[in-house]
Every structure is written in C-alpha cells, then in structure tokens.
Amino acid sequence: MKTIKVLGPGCPKCKTTFQNVEKALAQLGIQAELIKIEDIEEMMKYNVLTTPVLMIDEVVKIKGRIAQINEIKEFLK
C-alpha cells in the first residue's frame, strides 16, 4: 500500500491538493495511507520550503502548487 503525504499549513492550495488526492484514489479505486501534515516543525523535517507538497512513498512529487487529479493518478499507476 502506498503512503501519500500532503504537507501544508492548511492554506486553500493545501486543502485542494488533499481533496484532489482523495478524488484520484477514488477514481482509481485504490487504497492508500493518506496523511496530512500541517505542523510547521513536522514539515521542516522534510526540508521543503514551499507548500503544498505531495509526497508518495517518501518521494516529493510536486511542491509549491496544487497537484492536479490527473497528475496524481499518473504517479499512482
């Protein structure tokens, strides 16, 4: 099972990215561990400065912009 993390302080872009991940998972019909990290100190551990960040299995896939549903689906295939 894949682990997907969305890092961001709770801004609208971060919330949209999280919702897009949920939609992508539903459209593909797959299960994943989906984690939202909003704590600044926790985010700093990943050494990223721009949010939102989409990580899949501890690899940064997108940072600094909203991850689109089709992009997320490609990463998950």
N, C-alpha and C. Protein backbone atom coordinates (compact mmCIF):
# COMPACT_ATOMS: atom_id res chain seq x y z
N MET A 1 0.84 -1.18 0.00
CA MET A 1 0.00 0.00 0.00
C MET A 1 0.88 1.24 0.00
N LYS A 2 0.53 2.19 -0.86
CA LYS A 2 1.30 3.42 -0.95
C LYS A 2 0.98 4.34 0.22
N THR A 3 1.97 5.14 0.59
CA THR A 3 1.78 6.17 1.60
C THR A 3 1.87 7.52 0.90
N ILE A 4 0.81 8.30 1.04
CA ILE A 4 0.76 9.61 0.41
C ILE A 4 0.68 10.66 1.50
N LYS A 5 1.55 11.66 1.41
CA LYS A 5 1.55 12.75 2.38
C LYS A 5 1.33 14.07 1.66
N VAL A 6 0.48 14.90 2.25
CA VAL A 6 0.28 16.25 1.76
C VAL A 6 0.76 17.17 2.88
N LEU A 7 1.80 17.95 2.58
CA LEU A 7 2.36 18.87 3.56
C LEU A 7 1.89 20.27 3.26
N GLY A 8 1.43 20.96 4.28
CA GLY A 8 0.99 22.34 4.12
C GLY A 8 0.29 22.82 5.38
N PRO A 9 0.34 24.13 5.61
CA PRO A 9 -0.20 24.68 6.86
C PRO A 9 -1.71 24.79 6.92
N GLY A 10 -2.42 24.31 5.90
CA GLY A 10 -3.87 24.39 5.91
C GLY A 10 -4.41 25.48 5.01
N CYS A 11 -3.58 25.97 4.12
CA CYS A 11 -3.99 27.01 3.17
C CYS A 11 -4.94 26.41 2.13
N PRO A 12 -5.66 27.26 1.38
CA PRO A 12 -6.57 26.72 0.37
C PRO A 12 -5.89 25.80 -0.65
N LYS A 13 -4.67 26.12 -1.08
CA LYS A 13 -3.96 25.26 -2.04
C LYS A 13 -3.69 23.89 -1.43
N CYS A 14 -3.34 23.87 -0.15
CA CYS A 14 -3.04 22.60 0.53
C CYS A 14 -4.31 21.76 0.64
N LYS A 15 -5.41 22.41 0.99
CA LYS A 15 -6.69 21.69 1.11
C LYS A 15 -7.12 21.13 -0.23
N THR A 16 -6.94 21.91 -1.29
CA THR A 16 -7.32 21.46 -2.63
C THR A 16 -6.47 20.26 -3.05
N THR A 17 -5.17 20.33 -2.76
CA THR A 17 -4.28 19.20 -3.09
C THR A 17 -4.74 17.94 -2.37
N PHE A 18 -5.06 18.06 -1.09
CA PHE A 18 -5.53 16.92 -0.31
C PHE A 18 -6.81 16.34 -0.91
N GLN A 19 -7.76 17.22 -1.26
CA GLN A 19 -9.01 16.77 -1.87
C GLN A 19 -8.77 16.11 -3.22
N ASN A 20 -7.82 16.65 -3.99
CA ASN A 20 -7.50 16.05 -5.29
C ASN A 20 -6.93 14.65 -5.13
N VAL A 21 -6.12 14.44 -4.09
CA VAL A 21 -5.58 13.10 -3.83
C VAL A 21 -6.73 12.15 -3.51
N GLU A 22 -7.65 12.60 -2.66
CA GLU A 22 -8.80 11.76 -2.33
C GLU A 22 -9.60 11.38 -3.58
N LYS A 23 -9.81 12.36 -4.46
CA LYS A 23 -10.56 12.11 -5.70
C LYS A 23 -9.81 11.15 -6.61
N ALA A 24 -8.50 11.33 -6.74
CA ALA A 24 -7.70 10.45 -7.59
C ALA A 24 -7.75 9.01 -7.08
N LEU A 25 -7.64 8.84 -5.78
CA LEU A 25 -7.70 7.50 -5.20
C LEU A 25 -9.07 6.87 -5.47
N ALA A 26 -10.13 7.66 -5.31
CA ALA A 26 -11.48 7.14 -5.54
C ALA A 26 -11.67 6.76 -7.01
N GLN A 27 -11.18 7.60 -7.92
CA GLN A 27 -11.33 7.33 -9.35
C GLN A 27 -10.57 6.08 -9.77
N LEU A 28 -9.41 5.86 -9.16
CA LEU A 28 -8.61 4.67 -9.49
C LEU A 28 -9.09 3.44 -8.73
N GLY A 29 -9.86 3.67 -7.68
CA GLY A 29 -10.36 2.56 -6.87
C GLY A 29 -9.27 1.86 -6.09
N ILE A 30 -8.27 2.64 -5.65
CA ILE A 30 -7.18 2.03 -4.88
C ILE A 30 -7.14 2.61 -3.47
N GLN A 31 -6.56 1.83 -2.59
CA GLN A 31 -6.40 2.23 -1.19
C GLN A 31 -4.98 2.74 -0.99
N ALA A 32 -4.84 3.73 -0.14
CA ALA A 32 -3.52 4.24 0.22
C ALA A 32 -3.62 4.86 1.60
N GLU A 33 -2.49 4.93 2.27
CA GLU A 33 -2.45 5.63 3.55
C GLU A 33 -2.25 7.11 3.22
N LEU A 34 -3.26 7.92 3.53
CA LEU A 34 -3.24 9.34 3.20
C LEU A 34 -3.05 10.14 4.48
N ILE A 35 -1.97 10.91 4.52
CA ILE A 35 -1.60 11.66 5.73
C ILE A 35 -1.50 13.14 5.39
N LYS A 36 -2.11 13.97 6.23
CA LYS A 36 -2.00 15.42 6.04
C LYS A 36 -1.11 15.95 7.16
N ILE A 37 -0.05 16.65 6.79
CA ILE A 37 0.87 17.20 7.78
C ILE A 37 0.77 18.72 7.74
N GLU A 38 0.26 19.28 8.85
CA GLU A 38 0.07 20.73 8.93
C GLU A 38 1.02 21.39 9.92
N ASP A 39 1.67 20.59 10.76
CA ASP A 39 2.57 21.13 11.77
C ASP A 39 3.87 21.62 11.13
N ILE A 40 4.20 22.89 11.37
CA ILE A 40 5.38 23.50 10.76
C ILE A 40 6.65 22.74 11.11
N GLU A 41 6.81 22.37 12.38
CA GLU A 41 8.03 21.65 12.79
C GLU A 41 8.13 20.30 12.09
N GLU A 42 7.02 19.62 11.93
CA GLU A 42 7.00 18.33 11.24
C GLU A 42 7.35 18.52 9.76
N MET A 43 6.82 19.59 9.15
CA MET A 43 7.11 19.87 7.74
C MET A 43 8.60 20.17 7.54
N MET A 44 9.20 20.84 8.49
CA MET A 44 10.62 21.21 8.37
C MET A 44 11.51 19.97 8.31
N LYS A 45 11.07 18.88 8.88
CA LYS A 45 11.85 17.63 8.84
C LYS A 45 12.04 17.14 7.40
N TYR A 46 11.15 17.55 6.51
CA TYR A 46 11.22 17.11 5.11
C TYR A 46 12.01 18.10 4.25
N ASN A 47 12.47 19.17 4.84
CA ASN A 47 13.35 20.13 4.16
C ASN A 47 12.70 20.72 2.90
N VAL A 48 11.42 21.07 3.02
CA VAL A 48 10.72 21.73 1.93
C VAL A 48 10.29 23.11 2.39
N LEU A 49 10.43 24.09 1.52
CA LEU A 49 10.13 25.47 1.89
C LEU A 49 8.84 25.98 1.28
N THR A 50 8.41 25.39 0.18
CA THR A 50 7.19 25.85 -0.47
C THR A 50 6.11 24.78 -0.35
N THR A 51 4.91 25.20 -0.07
CA THR A 51 3.78 24.28 0.07
C THR A 51 2.72 24.67 -0.95
N PRO A 52 1.83 23.79 -1.27
CA PRO A 52 1.71 22.42 -0.76
C PRO A 52 2.75 21.48 -1.37
N VAL A 53 2.98 20.39 -0.66
CA VAL A 53 3.90 19.35 -1.13
C VAL A 53 3.13 18.04 -1.18
N LEU A 54 3.30 17.33 -2.30
CA LEU A 54 2.73 16.00 -2.45
C LEU A 54 3.88 15.00 -2.43
N MET A 55 3.83 14.09 -1.47
CA MET A 55 4.85 13.04 -1.37
C MET A 55 4.17 11.68 -1.53
N ILE A 56 4.81 10.81 -2.31
CA ILE A 56 4.32 9.45 -2.44
C ILE A 56 5.48 8.53 -2.08
N ASP A 57 5.26 7.70 -1.08
CA ASP A 57 6.29 6.79 -0.58
C ASP A 57 7.59 7.55 -0.28
N GLU A 58 7.46 8.67 0.42
CA GLU A 58 8.59 9.50 0.89
C GLU A 58 9.36 10.20 -0.22
N VAL A 59 8.82 10.24 -1.44
CA VAL A 59 9.45 10.95 -2.55
C VAL A 59 8.60 12.17 -2.90
N VAL A 60 9.22 13.35 -2.92
CA VAL A 60 8.49 14.57 -3.28
C VAL A 60 8.17 14.52 -4.76
N LYS A 61 6.90 14.62 -5.08
CA LYS A 61 6.45 14.58 -6.48
C LYS A 61 6.11 15.98 -6.99
N ILE A 62 5.46 16.78 -6.14
CA ILE A 62 5.06 18.13 -6.52
C ILE A 62 5.22 19.03 -5.30
N LYS A 63 5.76 20.23 -5.53
CA LYS A 63 5.81 21.19 -4.42
C LYS A 63 5.56 22.59 -4.95
N GLY A 64 4.91 23.39 -4.13
CA GLY A 64 4.68 24.79 -4.45
C GLY A 64 3.48 25.08 -5.32
N ARG A 65 2.71 24.05 -5.65
CA ARG A 65 1.50 24.26 -6.44
C ARG A 65 0.52 23.13 -6.18
N ILE A 66 -0.71 23.35 -6.61
CA ILE A 66 -1.75 22.35 -6.43
C ILE A 66 -1.48 21.16 -7.36
N ALA A 67 -1.53 19.98 -6.80
CA ALA A 67 -1.39 18.75 -7.59
C ALA A 67 -2.74 18.46 -8.24
N GLN A 68 -2.74 18.33 -9.56
CA GLN A 68 -3.98 18.07 -10.30
C GLN A 68 -4.32 16.57 -10.24
N ILE A 69 -5.60 16.28 -10.32
CA ILE A 69 -6.07 14.89 -10.19
C ILE A 69 -5.40 13.98 -11.20
N ASN A 70 -5.32 14.41 -12.47
CA ASN A 70 -4.71 13.55 -13.49
C ASN A 70 -3.23 13.30 -13.22
N GLU A 71 -2.52 14.31 -12.70
CA GLU A 71 -1.10 14.11 -12.35
C GLU A 71 -0.98 13.07 -11.24
N ILE A 72 -1.81 13.19 -10.24
CA ILE A 72 -1.77 12.27 -9.09
C ILE A 72 -2.04 10.84 -9.58
N LYS A 73 -3.02 10.69 -10.46
CA LYS A 73 -3.34 9.37 -10.98
C LYS A 73 -2.16 8.77 -11.73
N GLU A 74 -1.44 9.58 -12.48
CA GLU A 74 -0.25 9.09 -13.18
C GLU A 74 0.81 8.60 -12.21
N PHE A 75 1.01 9.35 -11.13
CA PHE A 75 2.01 8.94 -10.13
C PHE A 75 1.62 7.62 -9.46
N LEU A 76 0.34 7.37 -9.35
CA LEU A 76 -0.14 6.19 -8.62
C LEU A 76 -0.24 4.93 -9.49
N LYS A 77 -0.13 5.09 -10.81
CA LYS A 77 -0.25 3.93 -11.70
C LYS A 77 0.99 3.07 -11.65
